[in-house]
């Protein structure tokens, strides 16, 4: 449950509080998306919580509230290729820095609150907050913007690459998604460094594919 006094404690010491969070560290495909948000001091957004605890409908509604009420916000990403070239942690932090830099163009925060336990340099004071998206309102707001943005992107990718079911699983490693990657091969938006299961689980995937083909055959 959010602690609506949490950000206020930092605001009293540092001024404008910017929360930042990311979405999409675990999927096999698509970017990792980060958002950064500065909310007006004293604002309470009813129903706001860690985006993972909210329904898609609720996240979409909160997205509109957040972008209309925020003093400043930024949304950025690291692509699948950037993830492969570095690693998911480095790419996530890089996306967060990009999101904060966007915020700075409107309002320079006094402090950045970062979801998790990995510090990074934002050029201003920062503080890591473990499970911050369930504690800090500004981090929770960032988690909603990041999640909604990424989910919308995966719906668009589903239109471009309809074989993989991106609109359904949003790129996460479901059984159906793994089987689709095995059957059709990876698309340009897949993270190659996340696809070791293609070799490791080859026998199981081949058996599942044969079962799928048999089920689809006319009797």
N, C-alpha and C. Protein backbone atom coordinates (compact mmCIF):
# COMPACT_ATOMS: atom_id res chain seq x y z
N UNK A 1 0.84 -1.20 0.00
CA UNK A 1 0.00 0.00 0.00
C UNK A 1 0.88 1.25 0.00
N UNK A 2 0.53 2.21 -0.85
CA UNK A 2 1.34 3.42 -0.95
C UNK A 2 1.35 4.20 0.36
N UNK A 3 2.51 4.77 0.65
CA UNK A 3 2.65 5.67 1.80
C UNK A 3 2.69 7.09 1.25
N UNK A 4 1.57 7.80 1.39
CA UNK A 4 1.47 9.12 0.77
C UNK A 4 2.32 10.17 1.48
N UNK A 5 2.94 9.80 2.59
CA UNK A 5 3.87 10.72 3.26
C UNK A 5 5.30 10.46 2.84
N UNK A 6 5.54 9.37 2.12
CA UNK A 6 6.91 8.97 1.80
C UNK A 6 7.62 10.02 0.97
N UNK A 7 7.03 10.41 -0.15
CA UNK A 7 7.66 11.41 -1.02
C UNK A 7 7.78 12.76 -0.32
N UNK A 8 6.80 13.07 0.54
CA UNK A 8 6.81 14.36 1.22
C UNK A 8 8.04 14.53 2.09
N UNK A 9 8.51 13.45 2.68
CA UNK A 9 9.72 13.52 3.50
C UNK A 9 10.93 13.93 2.69
N UNK A 10 11.03 13.42 1.47
CA UNK A 10 12.13 13.80 0.59
C UNK A 10 11.94 15.22 0.05
N UNK A 11 10.69 15.59 -0.24
CA UNK A 11 10.41 16.93 -0.75
C UNK A 11 10.81 18.00 0.26
N UNK A 12 10.61 17.72 1.53
CA UNK A 12 10.97 18.69 2.57
C UNK A 12 12.46 18.94 2.61
N UNK A 13 13.24 17.95 2.23
CA UNK A 13 14.70 18.06 2.28
C UNK A 13 15.31 18.50 0.95
N UNK A 14 14.72 18.06 -0.17
CA UNK A 14 15.37 18.24 -1.46
C UNK A 14 14.58 19.09 -2.46
N UNK A 15 13.30 19.28 -2.23
CA UNK A 15 12.48 19.96 -3.24
C UNK A 15 11.77 18.94 -4.11
N UNK A 16 11.68 19.23 -5.39
CA UNK A 16 10.90 18.38 -6.31
C UNK A 16 11.40 16.95 -6.31
N UNK A 17 10.48 16.01 -6.12
CA UNK A 17 10.80 14.58 -6.08
C UNK A 17 10.40 13.94 -7.40
N UNK A 18 11.34 13.24 -8.01
CA UNK A 18 11.10 12.53 -9.27
C UNK A 18 11.19 11.03 -9.01
N UNK A 19 10.12 10.31 -9.27
CA UNK A 19 10.15 8.85 -9.17
C UNK A 19 10.43 8.24 -10.52
N UNK A 20 11.20 7.16 -10.56
CA UNK A 20 11.47 6.48 -11.82
C UNK A 20 11.38 4.98 -11.66
N UNK A 21 10.87 4.33 -12.69
CA UNK A 21 10.72 2.88 -12.68
C UNK A 21 10.73 2.40 -14.13
N UNK A 22 10.85 1.09 -14.29
CA UNK A 22 10.88 0.52 -15.63
C UNK A 22 9.88 -0.62 -15.74
N UNK A 23 9.60 -1.01 -16.97
CA UNK A 23 8.74 -2.15 -17.26
C UNK A 23 9.37 -2.95 -18.38
N UNK A 24 9.34 -4.26 -18.24
CA UNK A 24 9.80 -5.11 -19.35
C UNK A 24 11.19 -5.67 -19.20
N UNK A 25 11.61 -5.96 -17.99
CA UNK A 25 12.93 -6.59 -17.83
C UNK A 25 12.90 -8.06 -18.21
N UNK A 26 11.77 -8.73 -17.99
CA UNK A 26 11.71 -10.18 -18.18
C UNK A 26 11.33 -10.70 -19.55
N UNK A 27 10.69 -9.92 -20.41
CA UNK A 27 10.22 -10.46 -21.69
C UNK A 27 11.34 -10.90 -22.62
N UNK A 28 10.95 -11.70 -23.59
CA UNK A 28 11.88 -12.18 -24.62
C UNK A 28 12.00 -11.20 -25.77
N UNK A 29 11.10 -10.24 -25.84
CA UNK A 29 11.07 -9.36 -27.01
C UNK A 29 10.66 -7.95 -26.60
N UNK A 30 11.00 -7.00 -27.47
CA UNK A 30 10.62 -5.61 -27.26
C UNK A 30 11.59 -4.87 -26.36
N UNK A 31 11.39 -3.57 -26.23
CA UNK A 31 12.28 -2.75 -25.42
C UNK A 31 11.99 -2.89 -23.94
N UNK A 32 12.92 -2.41 -23.13
CA UNK A 32 12.61 -2.13 -21.73
C UNK A 32 12.29 -0.65 -21.68
N UNK A 33 11.16 -0.31 -21.06
CA UNK A 33 10.66 1.07 -21.06
C UNK A 33 10.74 1.63 -19.65
N UNK A 34 11.23 2.85 -19.52
CA UNK A 34 11.30 3.52 -18.22
C UNK A 34 10.51 4.81 -18.27
N UNK A 35 10.02 5.20 -17.11
CA UNK A 35 9.34 6.49 -16.99
C UNK A 35 9.85 7.20 -15.75
N UNK A 36 9.77 8.51 -15.77
CA UNK A 36 10.13 9.35 -14.62
C UNK A 36 9.04 10.40 -14.46
N UNK A 37 8.63 10.64 -13.21
CA UNK A 37 7.48 11.50 -12.95
C UNK A 37 7.74 12.40 -11.75
N UNK A 38 7.41 13.67 -11.89
CA UNK A 38 7.34 14.59 -10.75
C UNK A 38 5.89 14.99 -10.58
N UNK A 39 5.31 14.68 -9.41
CA UNK A 39 3.93 15.03 -9.10
C UNK A 39 3.89 16.26 -8.20
N UNK A 40 2.81 17.01 -8.26
CA UNK A 40 2.68 18.16 -7.35
C UNK A 40 2.70 17.69 -5.89
N UNK A 41 3.38 18.44 -5.05
CA UNK A 41 3.44 18.09 -3.64
C UNK A 41 2.04 18.12 -3.04
N UNK A 42 1.69 17.07 -2.31
CA UNK A 42 0.38 16.99 -1.67
C UNK A 42 -0.68 16.32 -2.52
N UNK A 43 -0.40 16.10 -3.80
CA UNK A 43 -1.38 15.43 -4.66
C UNK A 43 -1.56 13.98 -4.22
N UNK A 44 -2.79 13.52 -4.18
CA UNK A 44 -3.10 12.12 -3.93
C UNK A 44 -3.90 11.60 -5.12
N UNK A 45 -3.40 10.54 -5.75
CA UNK A 45 -4.10 9.94 -6.89
C UNK A 45 -4.79 8.67 -6.39
N UNK A 46 -6.09 8.69 -6.18
CA UNK A 46 -6.79 7.52 -5.65
C UNK A 46 -6.61 6.29 -6.55
N UNK A 47 -6.37 5.15 -5.91
CA UNK A 47 -6.26 3.89 -6.65
C UNK A 47 -4.90 3.62 -7.24
N UNK A 48 -3.98 4.56 -7.13
CA UNK A 48 -2.65 4.35 -7.68
C UNK A 48 -1.92 3.30 -6.87
N UNK A 49 -1.18 2.44 -7.55
CA UNK A 49 -0.42 1.37 -6.89
C UNK A 49 0.64 0.88 -7.87
N UNK A 50 1.44 -0.06 -7.40
CA UNK A 50 2.37 -0.76 -8.27
C UNK A 50 1.60 -1.25 -9.49
N UNK A 51 2.09 -0.94 -10.69
CA UNK A 51 1.34 -1.24 -11.91
C UNK A 51 1.04 -2.73 -12.05
N UNK A 52 1.90 -3.58 -11.51
CA UNK A 52 1.69 -5.03 -11.62
C UNK A 52 0.46 -5.49 -10.84
N UNK A 53 0.00 -4.69 -9.89
CA UNK A 53 -1.16 -5.06 -9.07
C UNK A 53 -2.47 -4.54 -9.66
N UNK A 54 -2.38 -3.80 -10.74
CA UNK A 54 -3.56 -3.15 -11.30
C UNK A 54 -4.04 -3.86 -12.57
N UNK A 55 -5.32 -3.77 -12.84
CA UNK A 55 -5.83 -4.30 -14.10
C UNK A 55 -5.41 -3.39 -15.25
N UNK A 56 -5.46 -3.92 -16.45
CA UNK A 56 -5.11 -3.13 -17.63
C UNK A 56 -6.01 -1.91 -17.75
N UNK A 57 -7.30 -2.10 -17.49
CA UNK A 57 -8.25 -0.99 -17.58
C UNK A 57 -7.91 0.10 -16.56
N UNK A 58 -7.54 -0.31 -15.34
CA UNK A 58 -7.20 0.67 -14.31
C UNK A 58 -5.91 1.39 -14.66
N UNK A 59 -4.93 0.67 -15.17
CA UNK A 59 -3.67 1.32 -15.57
C UNK A 59 -3.90 2.36 -16.64
N UNK A 60 -4.73 2.04 -17.63
CA UNK A 60 -5.02 2.98 -18.71
C UNK A 60 -5.67 4.24 -18.17
N UNK A 61 -6.61 4.08 -17.24
CA UNK A 61 -7.27 5.25 -16.65
C UNK A 61 -6.30 6.09 -15.85
N UNK A 62 -5.44 5.43 -15.08
CA UNK A 62 -4.45 6.15 -14.27
C UNK A 62 -3.41 6.85 -15.13
N UNK A 63 -3.08 6.25 -16.26
CA UNK A 63 -2.13 6.88 -17.19
C UNK A 63 -2.60 8.28 -17.54
N UNK A 64 -3.87 8.41 -17.90
CA UNK A 64 -4.40 9.72 -18.29
C UNK A 64 -4.37 10.71 -17.13
N UNK A 65 -4.68 10.22 -15.92
CA UNK A 65 -4.64 11.09 -14.75
C UNK A 65 -3.22 11.57 -14.48
N UNK A 66 -2.27 10.66 -14.55
CA UNK A 66 -0.87 10.99 -14.23
C UNK A 66 -0.32 12.03 -15.20
N UNK A 67 -0.50 11.79 -16.51
CA UNK A 67 0.08 12.73 -17.48
C UNK A 67 -0.59 14.09 -17.42
N UNK A 68 -1.85 14.14 -16.97
CA UNK A 68 -2.53 15.43 -16.88
C UNK A 68 -2.17 16.18 -15.59
N UNK A 69 -1.81 15.44 -14.54
CA UNK A 69 -1.53 16.06 -13.25
C UNK A 69 -0.05 16.29 -12.98
N UNK A 70 0.81 15.56 -13.63
CA UNK A 70 2.25 15.65 -13.34
C UNK A 70 2.80 17.04 -13.67
N UNK A 71 3.74 17.48 -12.85
CA UNK A 71 4.48 18.71 -13.16
C UNK A 71 5.44 18.47 -14.32
N UNK A 72 5.95 17.25 -14.40
CA UNK A 72 6.84 16.87 -15.49
C UNK A 72 6.89 15.35 -15.55
N UNK A 73 7.01 14.82 -16.74
CA UNK A 73 7.22 13.38 -16.87
C UNK A 73 8.01 13.09 -18.14
N UNK A 74 8.68 11.94 -18.13
CA UNK A 74 9.44 11.52 -19.30
C UNK A 74 9.32 10.02 -19.46
N UNK A 75 9.28 9.57 -20.70
CA UNK A 75 9.20 8.14 -21.00
C UNK A 75 10.30 7.84 -22.03
N UNK A 76 11.08 6.81 -21.76
CA UNK A 76 12.20 6.47 -22.64
C UNK A 76 12.36 4.95 -22.67
N UNK A 77 13.24 4.48 -23.52
CA UNK A 77 13.42 3.03 -23.64
C UNK A 77 14.85 2.69 -24.02
N UNK A 78 15.16 1.43 -23.84
CA UNK A 78 16.34 0.82 -24.43
C UNK A 78 15.83 -0.31 -25.31
N UNK A 79 16.29 -0.36 -26.53
CA UNK A 79 15.78 -1.32 -27.50
C UNK A 79 16.28 -2.73 -27.22
N UNK A 80 15.68 -3.69 -27.92
CA UNK A 80 16.12 -5.08 -27.81
C UNK A 80 17.59 -5.21 -28.19
N UNK A 81 18.03 -4.45 -29.19
CA UNK A 81 19.43 -4.52 -29.61
C UNK A 81 20.34 -3.97 -28.52
N UNK A 82 19.94 -2.88 -27.87
CA UNK A 82 20.74 -2.33 -26.79
C UNK A 82 20.83 -3.31 -25.62
N UNK A 83 19.74 -4.02 -25.36
CA UNK A 83 19.75 -5.03 -24.32
C UNK A 83 20.76 -6.12 -24.65
N UNK A 84 20.76 -6.57 -25.91
CA UNK A 84 21.71 -7.60 -26.33
C UNK A 84 23.15 -7.12 -26.28
N UNK A 85 23.36 -5.86 -26.60
CA UNK A 85 24.72 -5.32 -26.64
C UNK A 85 25.30 -5.09 -25.25
N UNK A 86 24.45 -4.88 -24.25
CA UNK A 86 24.93 -4.68 -22.88
C UNK A 86 24.40 -5.81 -22.02
N UNK A 87 23.39 -5.55 -21.24
CA UNK A 87 22.63 -6.55 -20.49
C UNK A 87 21.37 -5.85 -20.00
N UNK A 88 20.44 -6.62 -19.48
CA UNK A 88 19.14 -6.03 -19.16
C UNK A 88 19.24 -5.01 -18.03
N UNK A 89 20.12 -5.24 -17.06
CA UNK A 89 20.25 -4.27 -15.97
C UNK A 89 20.79 -2.95 -16.49
N UNK A 90 21.88 -3.00 -17.25
CA UNK A 90 22.47 -1.78 -17.78
C UNK A 90 21.48 -1.05 -18.69
N UNK A 91 20.76 -1.81 -19.51
CA UNK A 91 19.79 -1.20 -20.42
C UNK A 91 18.64 -0.55 -19.65
N UNK A 92 18.20 -1.19 -18.57
CA UNK A 92 17.12 -0.63 -17.75
C UNK A 92 17.55 0.69 -17.12
N UNK A 93 18.75 0.72 -16.56
CA UNK A 93 19.25 1.94 -15.93
C UNK A 93 19.45 3.05 -16.97
N UNK A 94 19.89 2.65 -18.16
CA UNK A 94 20.08 3.64 -19.22
C UNK A 94 18.74 4.25 -19.62
N UNK A 95 17.71 3.42 -19.71
CA UNK A 95 16.38 3.94 -20.03
C UNK A 95 15.89 4.90 -18.94
N UNK A 96 16.16 4.55 -17.68
CA UNK A 96 15.77 5.45 -16.59
C UNK A 96 16.48 6.80 -16.70
N UNK A 97 17.77 6.75 -17.00
CA UNK A 97 18.51 8.02 -17.14
C UNK A 97 17.93 8.86 -18.28
N UNK A 98 17.58 8.22 -19.37
CA UNK A 98 16.97 8.96 -20.48
C UNK A 98 15.64 9.58 -20.07
N UNK A 99 14.84 8.83 -19.31
CA UNK A 99 13.55 9.36 -18.87
C UNK A 99 13.74 10.56 -17.95
N UNK A 100 14.71 10.48 -17.04
CA UNK A 100 14.98 11.59 -16.12
C UNK A 100 15.50 12.80 -16.90
N UNK A 101 16.33 12.58 -17.90
CA UNK A 101 16.82 13.69 -18.71
C UNK A 101 15.67 14.41 -19.40
N UNK A 102 14.66 13.65 -19.83
CA UNK A 102 13.48 14.28 -20.43
C UNK A 102 12.75 15.15 -19.41
N UNK A 103 12.61 14.64 -18.19
CA UNK A 103 11.98 15.42 -17.12
C UNK A 103 12.73 16.71 -16.88
N UNK A 104 14.05 16.65 -16.88
CA UNK A 104 14.88 17.82 -16.59
C UNK A 104 14.64 18.95 -17.58
N UNK A 105 14.18 18.62 -18.77
CA UNK A 105 13.92 19.67 -19.75
C UNK A 105 12.76 20.56 -19.31
N UNK A 106 11.90 20.05 -18.42
CA UNK A 106 10.78 20.82 -17.89
C UNK A 106 11.05 21.32 -16.48
N UNK A 107 11.57 20.42 -15.64
CA UNK A 107 11.79 20.75 -14.23
C UNK A 107 12.91 19.88 -13.69
N UNK A 108 13.96 20.51 -13.17
CA UNK A 108 15.08 19.75 -12.60
C UNK A 108 14.70 19.27 -11.21
N UNK A 109 14.69 17.95 -10.99
CA UNK A 109 14.29 17.45 -9.67
C UNK A 109 15.37 17.69 -8.61
N UNK A 110 14.91 17.82 -7.36
CA UNK A 110 15.87 17.91 -6.26
C UNK A 110 16.43 16.56 -5.91
N UNK A 111 15.64 15.50 -6.15
CA UNK A 111 16.08 14.13 -5.89
C UNK A 111 15.31 13.18 -6.79
N UNK A 112 15.98 12.10 -7.18
CA UNK A 112 15.34 11.04 -7.96
C UNK A 112 15.21 9.80 -7.07
N UNK A 113 14.00 9.29 -6.94
CA UNK A 113 13.75 8.04 -6.22
C UNK A 113 13.68 6.91 -7.24
N UNK A 114 14.53 5.91 -7.06
CA UNK A 114 14.69 4.84 -8.04
C UNK A 114 14.12 3.54 -7.48
N UNK A 115 13.22 2.92 -8.21
CA UNK A 115 12.71 1.63 -7.77
C UNK A 115 13.83 0.59 -7.83
N UNK A 116 14.01 -0.17 -6.74
CA UNK A 116 15.02 -1.21 -6.72
C UNK A 116 16.17 -0.89 -5.80
N UNK A 117 17.30 -1.56 -6.05
CA UNK A 117 18.47 -1.38 -5.18
C UNK A 117 19.75 -1.09 -5.96
N UNK A 118 19.58 -0.66 -7.22
CA UNK A 118 20.74 -0.38 -8.07
C UNK A 118 20.90 1.12 -8.27
N UNK A 119 21.86 1.74 -7.61
CA UNK A 119 22.05 3.18 -7.78
C UNK A 119 22.59 3.50 -9.17
N UNK A 120 22.31 4.69 -9.64
CA UNK A 120 22.87 5.16 -10.90
C UNK A 120 23.00 6.68 -10.82
N UNK A 121 23.74 7.24 -11.74
CA UNK A 121 24.03 8.68 -11.72
C UNK A 121 23.03 9.42 -12.62
N UNK A 122 22.24 10.28 -12.00
CA UNK A 122 21.29 11.10 -12.73
C UNK A 122 21.72 12.56 -12.81
N UNK A 123 22.87 12.87 -12.24
CA UNK A 123 23.33 14.25 -12.22
C UNK A 123 22.70 15.08 -11.13
N UNK A 124 21.83 14.46 -10.33
CA UNK A 124 21.21 15.09 -9.16
C UNK A 124 21.18 14.02 -8.06
N UNK A 125 20.94 14.39 -6.82
CA UNK A 125 20.87 13.37 -5.76
C UNK A 125 19.82 12.30 -6.08
N UNK A 126 20.10 11.07 -5.66
CA UNK A 126 19.15 9.98 -5.90
C UNK A 126 19.16 9.01 -4.72
N UNK A 127 18.08 8.25 -4.63
CA UNK A 127 17.92 7.30 -3.55
C UNK A 127 17.22 6.06 -4.11
N UNK A 128 17.79 4.88 -3.86
CA UNK A 128 17.11 3.65 -4.27
C UNK A 128 16.07 3.28 -3.22
N UNK A 129 14.96 2.72 -3.68
CA UNK A 129 13.86 2.34 -2.79
C UNK A 129 13.42 0.93 -3.19
N UNK A 130 13.75 -0.06 -2.38
CA UNK A 130 13.34 -1.43 -2.67
C UNK A 130 11.82 -1.53 -2.58
N UNK A 131 11.21 -2.14 -3.61
CA UNK A 131 9.75 -2.20 -3.74
C UNK A 131 9.14 -0.80 -3.72
N UNK A 132 9.87 0.14 -4.31
CA UNK A 132 9.43 1.53 -4.30
C UNK A 132 8.10 1.75 -4.99
N UNK A 133 7.76 0.90 -5.98
CA UNK A 133 6.50 1.10 -6.69
C UNK A 133 5.28 0.75 -5.83
N UNK A 134 5.52 0.14 -4.66
CA UNK A 134 4.44 -0.13 -3.73
C UNK A 134 4.47 0.81 -2.52
N UNK A 135 5.43 1.75 -2.51
CA UNK A 135 5.61 2.65 -1.37
C UNK A 135 5.46 4.12 -1.78
N UNK A 136 6.20 4.50 -2.82
CA UNK A 136 6.28 5.90 -3.25
C UNK A 136 5.27 6.20 -4.34
N UNK A 137 4.50 7.27 -4.18
CA UNK A 137 3.51 7.62 -5.18
C UNK A 137 4.16 8.00 -6.52
N UNK A 138 5.28 8.70 -6.47
CA UNK A 138 5.92 9.10 -7.73
C UNK A 138 6.51 7.90 -8.46
N UNK A 139 7.06 6.94 -7.71
CA UNK A 139 7.58 5.73 -8.36
C UNK A 139 6.43 4.91 -8.92
N UNK A 140 5.34 4.79 -8.16
CA UNK A 140 4.17 4.05 -8.66
C UNK A 140 3.63 4.69 -9.93
N UNK A 141 3.59 6.02 -9.97
CA UNK A 141 3.14 6.71 -11.17
C UNK A 141 4.04 6.40 -12.35
N UNK A 142 5.35 6.38 -12.11
CA UNK A 142 6.29 6.04 -13.18
C UNK A 142 6.09 4.60 -13.64
N UNK A 143 5.79 3.71 -12.71
CA UNK A 143 5.59 2.31 -13.09
C UNK A 143 4.38 2.16 -13.99
N UNK A 144 3.34 2.94 -13.74
CA UNK A 144 2.13 2.88 -14.58
C UNK A 144 2.44 3.42 -15.98
N UNK A 145 3.11 4.56 -16.06
CA UNK A 145 3.43 5.12 -17.39
C UNK A 145 4.31 4.16 -18.19
N UNK A 146 5.29 3.55 -17.53
CA UNK A 146 6.18 2.63 -18.23
C UNK A 146 5.44 1.39 -18.71
N UNK A 147 4.62 0.82 -17.83
CA UNK A 147 3.89 -0.41 -18.17
C UNK A 147 2.89 -0.18 -19.29
N UNK A 148 2.11 0.89 -19.20
CA UNK A 148 1.10 1.17 -20.23
C UNK A 148 1.78 1.43 -21.57
N UNK A 149 2.85 2.22 -21.55
CA UNK A 149 3.57 2.53 -22.79
C UNK A 149 4.10 1.26 -23.44
N UNK A 150 4.72 0.40 -22.64
CA UNK A 150 5.29 -0.82 -23.21
C UNK A 150 4.21 -1.76 -23.73
N UNK A 151 3.13 -1.91 -22.97
CA UNK A 151 2.03 -2.77 -23.43
C UNK A 151 1.46 -2.27 -24.76
N UNK A 152 1.32 -0.97 -24.90
CA UNK A 152 0.82 -0.42 -26.16
C UNK A 152 1.79 -0.73 -27.30
N UNK A 153 3.07 -0.64 -27.03
CA UNK A 153 4.07 -0.95 -28.06
C UNK A 153 3.97 -2.40 -28.51
N UNK A 154 3.73 -3.31 -27.55
CA UNK A 154 3.65 -4.73 -27.91
C UNK A 154 2.39 -5.04 -28.69
N UNK A 155 1.32 -4.31 -28.45
CA UNK A 155 0.12 -4.46 -29.26
C UNK A 155 0.42 -4.06 -30.70
N UNK A 156 1.19 -2.99 -30.87
CA UNK A 156 1.59 -2.56 -32.22
C UNK A 156 2.50 -3.61 -32.87
N UNK A 157 3.43 -4.17 -32.09
CA UNK A 157 4.31 -5.21 -32.63
C UNK A 157 3.52 -6.44 -33.07
N UNK A 158 2.41 -6.72 -32.38
CA UNK A 158 1.58 -7.86 -32.75
C UNK A 158 1.02 -7.68 -34.15
N UNK A 159 0.71 -6.44 -34.50
CA UNK A 159 0.20 -6.18 -35.85
C UNK A 159 1.29 -6.39 -36.90
N UNK A 160 2.52 -6.06 -36.52
CA UNK A 160 3.63 -6.20 -37.46
C UNK A 160 4.14 -7.64 -37.55
N UNK A 161 4.09 -8.33 -36.42
CA UNK A 161 4.58 -9.72 -36.36
C UNK A 161 3.50 -10.59 -35.73
N UNK A 162 2.45 -10.93 -36.48
CA UNK A 162 1.28 -11.60 -35.89
C UNK A 162 1.49 -13.05 -35.46
N UNK A 163 2.60 -13.65 -35.83
CA UNK A 163 2.81 -15.07 -35.51
C UNK A 163 3.10 -15.33 -34.03
N UNK A 164 3.46 -14.30 -33.28
CA UNK A 164 4.01 -14.53 -31.94
C UNK A 164 3.05 -14.27 -30.78
N UNK A 165 1.93 -13.64 -31.04
CA UNK A 165 0.97 -13.39 -29.97
C UNK A 165 1.37 -12.30 -29.00
N UNK A 166 2.11 -11.30 -29.47
CA UNK A 166 2.60 -10.24 -28.59
C UNK A 166 1.49 -9.51 -27.84
N UNK A 167 0.34 -9.30 -28.49
CA UNK A 167 -0.75 -8.57 -27.84
C UNK A 167 -1.27 -9.31 -26.62
N UNK A 168 -1.14 -10.63 -26.62
CA UNK A 168 -1.64 -11.44 -25.51
C UNK A 168 -0.65 -11.48 -24.35
N UNK A 169 0.59 -11.84 -24.64
CA UNK A 169 1.56 -12.06 -23.55
C UNK A 169 2.55 -10.92 -23.37
N UNK A 170 2.49 -9.92 -24.24
CA UNK A 170 3.35 -8.73 -24.14
C UNK A 170 4.84 -9.06 -24.17
N UNK A 171 5.18 -10.18 -24.81
CA UNK A 171 6.59 -10.53 -24.97
C UNK A 171 7.15 -11.41 -23.87
N UNK A 172 6.36 -11.68 -22.84
CA UNK A 172 6.87 -12.49 -21.72
C UNK A 172 7.03 -13.95 -22.15
N UNK A 173 7.86 -14.71 -21.44
CA UNK A 173 8.22 -16.06 -21.88
C UNK A 173 7.18 -17.11 -21.53
N UNK A 174 5.98 -16.99 -22.08
CA UNK A 174 4.97 -18.01 -21.90
C UNK A 174 5.32 -19.23 -22.75
N UNK A 175 4.66 -20.33 -22.46
CA UNK A 175 4.88 -21.55 -23.24
C UNK A 175 4.56 -21.31 -24.70
N UNK A 176 3.44 -20.60 -24.95
CA UNK A 176 3.02 -20.34 -26.33
C UNK A 176 4.03 -19.45 -27.06
N UNK A 177 4.56 -18.47 -26.35
CA UNK A 177 5.53 -17.58 -26.97
C UNK A 177 6.81 -18.33 -27.33
N UNK A 178 7.31 -19.12 -26.41
CA UNK A 178 8.52 -19.89 -26.67
C UNK A 178 8.33 -20.82 -27.87
N UNK A 179 7.17 -21.46 -27.92
CA UNK A 179 6.91 -22.37 -29.04
C UNK A 179 6.84 -21.61 -30.36
N UNK A 180 6.27 -20.42 -30.35
CA UNK A 180 6.19 -19.61 -31.57
C UNK A 180 7.58 -19.22 -32.05
N UNK A 181 8.46 -18.86 -31.11
CA UNK A 181 9.83 -18.50 -31.49
C UNK A 181 10.54 -19.71 -32.09
N UNK A 182 10.30 -20.89 -31.51
CA UNK A 182 10.91 -22.11 -32.04
C UNK A 182 10.37 -22.43 -33.43
N UNK A 183 9.07 -22.24 -33.60
CA UNK A 183 8.44 -22.60 -34.88
C UNK A 183 8.79 -21.63 -36.00
N UNK A 184 8.76 -20.34 -35.71
CA UNK A 184 8.93 -19.34 -36.75
C UNK A 184 10.29 -18.67 -36.75
N UNK A 185 11.08 -18.93 -35.71
CA UNK A 185 12.34 -18.22 -35.56
C UNK A 185 12.10 -16.85 -34.96
N UNK A 186 13.14 -16.23 -34.39
CA UNK A 186 12.95 -14.91 -33.78
C UNK A 186 12.70 -13.83 -34.81
N UNK A 187 11.92 -12.83 -34.42
CA UNK A 187 11.72 -11.65 -35.26
C UNK A 187 12.75 -10.60 -34.87
N UNK A 188 12.86 -9.49 -35.61
CA UNK A 188 13.87 -8.48 -35.29
C UNK A 188 13.72 -7.86 -33.90
N UNK A 189 12.54 -7.98 -33.28
CA UNK A 189 12.32 -7.39 -31.96
C UNK A 189 12.62 -8.35 -30.81
N UNK A 190 13.03 -9.57 -31.11
CA UNK A 190 13.40 -10.50 -30.05
C UNK A 190 14.80 -10.19 -29.51
N UNK A 191 14.97 -10.42 -28.22
CA UNK A 191 16.26 -10.23 -27.57
C UNK A 191 17.05 -11.53 -27.71
N UNK A 192 18.02 -11.53 -28.59
CA UNK A 192 18.76 -12.75 -28.88
C UNK A 192 19.39 -13.34 -27.63
N UNK A 193 19.85 -12.48 -26.75
CA UNK A 193 20.51 -12.95 -25.52
C UNK A 193 19.54 -13.63 -24.55
N UNK A 194 18.23 -13.55 -24.83
CA UNK A 194 17.22 -14.18 -23.96
C UNK A 194 16.71 -15.50 -24.54
N UNK A 195 17.28 -15.96 -25.65
CA UNK A 195 16.71 -17.09 -26.37
C UNK A 195 17.48 -18.39 -26.20
N UNK A 196 18.22 -18.52 -25.11
CA UNK A 196 19.00 -19.75 -24.89
C UNK A 196 18.11 -20.98 -24.78
N UNK A 197 16.83 -20.79 -24.45
CA UNK A 197 15.91 -21.92 -24.34
C UNK A 197 15.75 -22.66 -25.66
N UNK A 198 16.01 -21.98 -26.79
CA UNK A 198 15.87 -22.63 -28.10
C UNK A 198 16.79 -23.84 -28.22
N UNK A 199 17.96 -23.76 -27.60
CA UNK A 199 18.89 -24.89 -27.59
C UNK A 199 18.67 -25.78 -26.39
N UNK A 200 18.52 -25.13 -25.24
CA UNK A 200 18.41 -25.89 -23.98
C UNK A 200 17.16 -26.78 -23.97
N UNK A 201 16.06 -26.27 -24.48
CA UNK A 201 14.78 -26.98 -24.41
C UNK A 201 14.34 -27.52 -25.77
N UNK A 202 15.30 -27.75 -26.64
CA UNK A 202 14.98 -28.12 -28.02
C UNK A 202 14.08 -29.36 -28.11
N UNK A 203 14.40 -30.41 -27.36
CA UNK A 203 13.62 -31.64 -27.45
C UNK A 203 12.17 -31.41 -27.02
N UNK A 204 11.99 -30.69 -25.91
CA UNK A 204 10.64 -30.41 -25.42
C UNK A 204 9.87 -29.54 -26.40
N UNK A 205 10.56 -28.56 -27.00
CA UNK A 205 9.90 -27.68 -27.97
C UNK A 205 9.51 -28.44 -29.23
N UNK A 206 10.38 -29.33 -29.67
CA UNK A 206 10.09 -30.13 -30.86
C UNK A 206 8.87 -31.03 -30.61
N UNK A 207 8.82 -31.61 -29.42
CA UNK A 207 7.67 -32.46 -29.08
C UNK A 207 6.39 -31.64 -29.03
N UNK A 208 6.46 -30.45 -28.45
CA UNK A 208 5.28 -29.58 -28.37
C UNK A 208 4.83 -29.14 -29.75
N UNK A 209 5.78 -28.89 -30.63
CA UNK A 209 5.44 -28.47 -31.99
C UNK A 209 4.77 -29.61 -32.75
N UNK A 210 5.29 -30.83 -32.59
CA UNK A 210 4.67 -31.98 -33.24
C UNK A 210 3.24 -32.19 -32.73
N UNK A 211 3.07 -31.99 -31.42
CA UNK A 211 1.72 -32.12 -30.84
C UNK A 211 0.77 -31.06 -31.41
N UNK A 212 1.28 -29.83 -31.54
CA UNK A 212 0.47 -28.76 -32.11
C UNK A 212 0.08 -29.07 -33.54
N UNK A 213 1.03 -29.57 -34.32
CA UNK A 213 0.74 -29.87 -35.72
C UNK A 213 -0.26 -31.02 -35.84
N UNK A 214 -0.12 -32.00 -34.95
CA UNK A 214 -1.04 -33.13 -34.99
C UNK A 214 -2.45 -32.69 -34.61
N UNK A 215 -2.56 -31.79 -33.64
CA UNK A 215 -3.86 -31.30 -33.21
C UNK A 215 -4.54 -30.48 -34.30
N UNK A 216 -3.72 -29.85 -35.16
CA UNK A 216 -4.27 -29.02 -36.22
C UNK A 216 -4.54 -29.77 -37.50
N UNK A 217 -4.15 -31.05 -37.55
CA UNK A 217 -4.34 -31.83 -38.77
C UNK A 217 -5.80 -32.28 -38.89
N UNK A 218 -6.32 -32.32 -40.11
CA UNK A 218 -7.70 -32.81 -40.28
C UNK A 218 -7.80 -34.28 -39.95
N UNK A 219 -8.91 -34.70 -39.36
CA UNK A 219 -9.08 -36.11 -38.99
C UNK A 219 -9.51 -36.94 -40.20
